[in-house]
Amino acid sequence: MSEEKPSRIPVPPADTAAATLLRDPIQDNLATTVIALATEIWVGRRRLAVIEALLENGRAVTAEAIETFVPPAGTEAQWEREREAFVQRVFRSMAAPHDPSLGVAATWREKG
């Protein structure tokens, strides 16, 4: 095995558990939870799309078939567009300006 050369500049290990990206840790925890849930939902949708494609093509649905599935031409681009639309729907309210005088319902009505 080759020895790794030490970096000239020491880089401490990342501590993402202690990182605060928003104004307070509670908001950070909530944002992290929303991101994790959205990730799980998208993975489930993608796997379901793979299962549907396998069934439509008369193939057996196995864990290996799902994991090794290669989408037909154009499908990957379609999935990318669907993923982008999903991300926009789920996270657009996080980027919206906050006006406490409007209340939560007003924000959702505007974004509809």
C-alpha atoms as a PDB file:
ATOM      1  CA  MET A   1       0.000   0.000   0.000  1.00  0.00           C
ATOM      2  CA  SER A   2       1.202   3.479  -0.723  1.00  0.00           C
ATOM      3  CA  GLU A   3       1.522   5.987   2.052  1.00  0.00           C
ATOM      4  CA  GLU A   4      -0.721   9.015   1.916  1.00  0.00           C
ATOM      5  CA  LYS A   5       1.154  12.306   1.801  1.00  0.00           C
ATOM      6  CA  PRO A   6       0.103  14.699   4.526  1.00  0.00           C
ATOM      7  CA  SER A   7      -1.736  17.816   3.419  1.00  0.00           C
ATOM      8  CA  ARG A   8       0.156  21.063   3.718  1.00  0.00           C
ATOM      9  CA  ILE A   9      -2.851  22.647   5.368  1.00  0.00           C
ATOM     10  CA  PRO A  10      -4.446  20.585   8.120  1.00  0.00           C
ATOM     11  CA  VAL A  11      -8.144  20.112   7.412  1.00  0.00           C
ATOM     12  CA  PRO A  12     -10.273  19.174  10.412  1.00  0.00           C
ATOM     13  CA  PRO A  13     -12.923  16.520   9.878  1.00  0.00           C
ATOM     14  CA  ALA A  14     -16.378  17.808   9.017  1.00  0.00           C
ATOM     15  CA  ASP A  15     -18.842  17.885  11.872  1.00  0.00           C
ATOM     16  CA  THR A  16     -22.170  18.175  10.098  1.00  0.00           C
ATOM     17  CA  ALA A  17     -24.079  17.153  13.212  1.00  0.00           C
ATOM     18  CA  ALA A  18     -22.918  20.351  14.925  1.00  0.00           C
ATOM     19  CA  ALA A  19     -23.367  22.615  11.886  1.00  0.00           C
ATOM     20  CA  THR A  20     -26.001  25.321  12.072  1.00  0.00           C
ATOM     21  CA  LEU A  21     -26.935  26.619   8.648  1.00  0.00           C
ATOM     22  CA  LEU A  22     -30.048  28.550   9.581  1.00  0.00           C
ATOM     23  CA  ARG A  23     -30.648  31.090  12.320  1.00  0.00           C
ATOM     24  CA  ASP A  24     -31.167  28.575  15.067  1.00  0.00           C
ATOM     25  CA  PRO A  25     -30.659  24.858  15.696  1.00  0.00           C
ATOM     26  CA  ILE A  26     -34.398  24.121  15.867  1.00  0.00           C
ATOM     27  CA  GLN A  27     -34.899  25.494  12.352  1.00  0.00           C
ATOM     28  CA  ASP A  28     -31.857  23.509  11.238  1.00  0.00           C
ATOM     29  CA  ASN A  29     -33.304  20.312  12.692  1.00  0.00           C
ATOM     30  CA  LEU A  30     -36.629  20.934  10.979  1.00  0.00           C
ATOM     31  CA  ALA A  31     -34.969  21.656   7.629  1.00  0.00           C
ATOM     32  CA  THR A  32     -32.819  18.541   7.970  1.00  0.00           C
ATOM     33  CA  THR A  33     -35.924  16.475   8.708  1.00  0.00           C
ATOM     34  CA  VAL A  34     -37.781  17.871   5.694  1.00  0.00           C
ATOM     35  CA  ILE A  35     -34.808  17.174   3.424  1.00  0.00           C
ATOM     36  CA  ALA A  36     -34.479  13.623   4.748  1.00  0.00           C
ATOM     37  CA  LEU A  37     -38.194  12.943   4.272  1.00  0.00           C
ATOM     38  CA  ALA A  38     -38.180  14.405   0.755  1.00  0.00           C
ATOM     39  CA  THR A  39     -35.197  12.229  -0.103  1.00  0.00           C
ATOM     40  CA  GLU A  40     -36.990   9.112   1.119  1.00  0.00           C
ATOM     41  CA  ILE A  41     -40.114  10.019  -0.857  1.00  0.00           C
ATOM     42  CA  TRP A  42     -38.148  10.604  -4.050  1.00  0.00           C
ATOM     43  CA  VAL A  43     -36.225   7.333  -3.686  1.00  0.00           C
ATOM     44  CA  GLY A  44     -39.533   5.509  -3.200  1.00  0.00           C
ATOM     45  CA  ARG A  45     -41.014   7.158  -6.297  1.00  0.00           C
ATOM     46  CA  ARG A  46     -37.986   6.280  -8.366  1.00  0.00           C
ATOM     47  CA  ARG A  47     -38.037   2.664  -7.209  1.00  0.00           C
ATOM     48  CA  LEU A  48     -41.753   2.463  -7.954  1.00  0.00           C
ATOM     49  CA  ALA A  49     -41.107   3.784 -11.480  1.00  0.00           C
ATOM     50  CA  VAL A  50     -38.457   1.081 -11.944  1.00  0.00           C
ATOM     51  CA  ILE A  51     -40.846  -1.617 -10.691  1.00  0.00           C
ATOM     52  CA  GLU A  52     -43.551  -0.377 -13.074  1.00  0.00           C
ATOM     53  CA  ALA A  53     -41.086  -0.437 -15.985  1.00  0.00           C
ATOM     54  CA  LEU A  54     -40.021  -3.973 -15.109  1.00  0.00           C
ATOM     55  CA  LEU A  55     -43.629  -5.147 -14.949  1.00  0.00           C
ATOM     56  CA  GLU A  56     -44.542  -3.407 -18.224  1.00  0.00           C
ATOM     57  CA  ASN A  57     -41.687  -5.283 -19.908  1.00  0.00           C
ATOM     58  CA  GLY A  58     -42.721  -8.632 -18.386  1.00  0.00           C
ATOM     59  CA  ARG A  59     -39.571  -8.886 -16.275  1.00  0.00           C
ATOM     60  CA  ALA A  60     -39.395 -10.358 -12.806  1.00  0.00           C
ATOM     61  CA  VAL A  61     -39.313  -7.819  -9.999  1.00  0.00           C
ATOM     62  CA  THR A  62     -36.386  -8.696  -7.769  1.00  0.00           C
ATOM     63  CA  ALA A  63     -34.063  -6.600  -5.654  1.00  0.00           C
ATOM     64  CA  GLU A  64     -31.287  -7.263  -8.185  1.00  0.00           C
ATOM     65  CA  ALA A  65     -33.495  -6.283 -11.148  1.00  0.00           C
ATOM     66  CA  ILE A  66     -34.401  -3.020  -9.411  1.00  0.00           C
ATOM     67  CA  GLU A  67     -30.812  -2.185  -8.464  1.00  0.00           C
ATOM     68  CA  THR A  68     -29.377  -2.984 -11.904  1.00  0.00           C
ATOM     69  CA  PHE A  69     -32.194  -1.415 -13.952  1.00  0.00           C
ATOM     70  CA  VAL A  70     -31.010   0.789 -16.800  1.00  0.00           C
ATOM     71  CA  PRO A  71     -33.765   3.101 -18.021  1.00  0.00           C
ATOM     72  CA  PRO A  72     -34.476   3.330 -21.749  1.00  0.00           C
ATOM     73  CA  ALA A  73     -33.295   6.370 -23.698  1.00  0.00           C
ATOM     74  CA  GLY A  74     -35.168   9.497 -22.687  1.00  0.00           C
ATOM     75  CA  THR A  75     -36.479   8.062 -19.429  1.00  0.00           C
ATOM     76  CA  GLU A  76     -33.579   9.378 -17.358  1.00  0.00           C
ATOM     77  CA  ALA A  77     -34.166  12.905 -18.689  1.00  0.00           C
ATOM     78  CA  GLN A  78     -37.893  12.593 -17.927  1.00  0.00           C
ATOM     79  CA  TRP A  79     -37.115  11.437 -14.379  1.00  0.00           C
ATOM     80  CA  GLU A  80     -34.734  14.366 -13.955  1.00  0.00           C
ATOM     81  CA  ARG A  81     -37.502  16.811 -14.959  1.00  0.00           C
ATOM     82  CA  GLU A  82     -39.923  15.105 -12.556  1.00  0.00           C
ATOM     83  CA  ARG A  83     -37.330  15.273  -9.767  1.00  0.00           C
ATOM     84  CA  GLU A  84     -36.741  18.969 -10.390  1.00  0.00           C
ATOM     85  CA  ALA A  85     -40.503  19.647 -10.289  1.00  0.00           C
ATOM     86  CA  PHE A  86     -40.744  17.646  -7.046  1.00  0.00           C
ATOM     87  CA  VAL A  87     -37.899  19.631  -5.465  1.00  0.00           C
ATOM     88  CA  GLN A  88     -39.535  22.911  -6.509  1.00  0.00           C
ATOM     89  CA  ARG A  89     -42.907  21.886  -5.042  1.00  0.00           C
ATOM     90  CA  VAL A  90     -41.446  20.659  -1.765  1.00  0.00           C
ATOM     91  CA  PHE A  91     -38.843  23.339  -1.109  1.00  0.00           C
ATOM     92  CA  ARG A  92     -40.219  26.513  -2.695  1.00  0.00           C
ATOM     93  CA  SER A  93     -41.724  27.688   0.581  1.00  0.00           C
ATOM     94  CA  MET A  94     -38.286  27.526   2.223  1.00  0.00           C
ATOM     95  CA  ALA A  95     -36.994  30.113  -0.258  1.00  0.00           C
ATOM     96  CA  ALA A  96     -40.073  32.359  -0.098  1.00  0.00           C
ATOM     97  CA  PRO A  97     -39.744  35.656   1.742  1.00  0.00           C
ATOM     98  CA  HIS A  98     -41.395  35.552   5.141  1.00  0.00           C
ATOM     99  CA  ASP A  99     -43.985  38.139   6.064  1.00  0.00           C
ATOM    100  CA  PRO A 100     -45.481  37.301   9.484  1.00  0.00           C
ATOM    101  CA  SER A 101     -48.404  39.671   8.882  1.00  0.00           C
ATOM    102  CA  LEU A 102     -49.662  37.449   6.037  1.00  0.00           C
ATOM    103  CA  GLY A 103     -49.794  34.239   8.018  1.00  0.00           C
ATOM    104  CA  VAL A 104     -49.095  30.757   6.714  1.00  0.00           C
ATOM    105  CA  ALA A 105     -52.284  30.408   4.660  1.00  0.00           C
ATOM    106  CA  ALA A 106     -51.487  33.515   2.588  1.00  0.00           C
ATOM    107  CA  THR A 107     -48.095  32.084   1.586  1.00  0.00           C
ATOM    108  CA  TRP A 108     -49.673  28.834   0.387  1.00  0.00           C
ATOM    109  CA  ARG A 109     -52.458  30.659  -1.500  1.00  0.00           C
ATOM    110  CA  GLU A 110     -49.926  32.801  -3.370  1.00  0.00           C
ATOM    111  CA  LYS A 111     -47.771  29.834  -4.376  1.00  0.00           C
ATOM    112  CA  GLY A 112     -50.778  27.588  -5.101  1.00  0.00           C
END
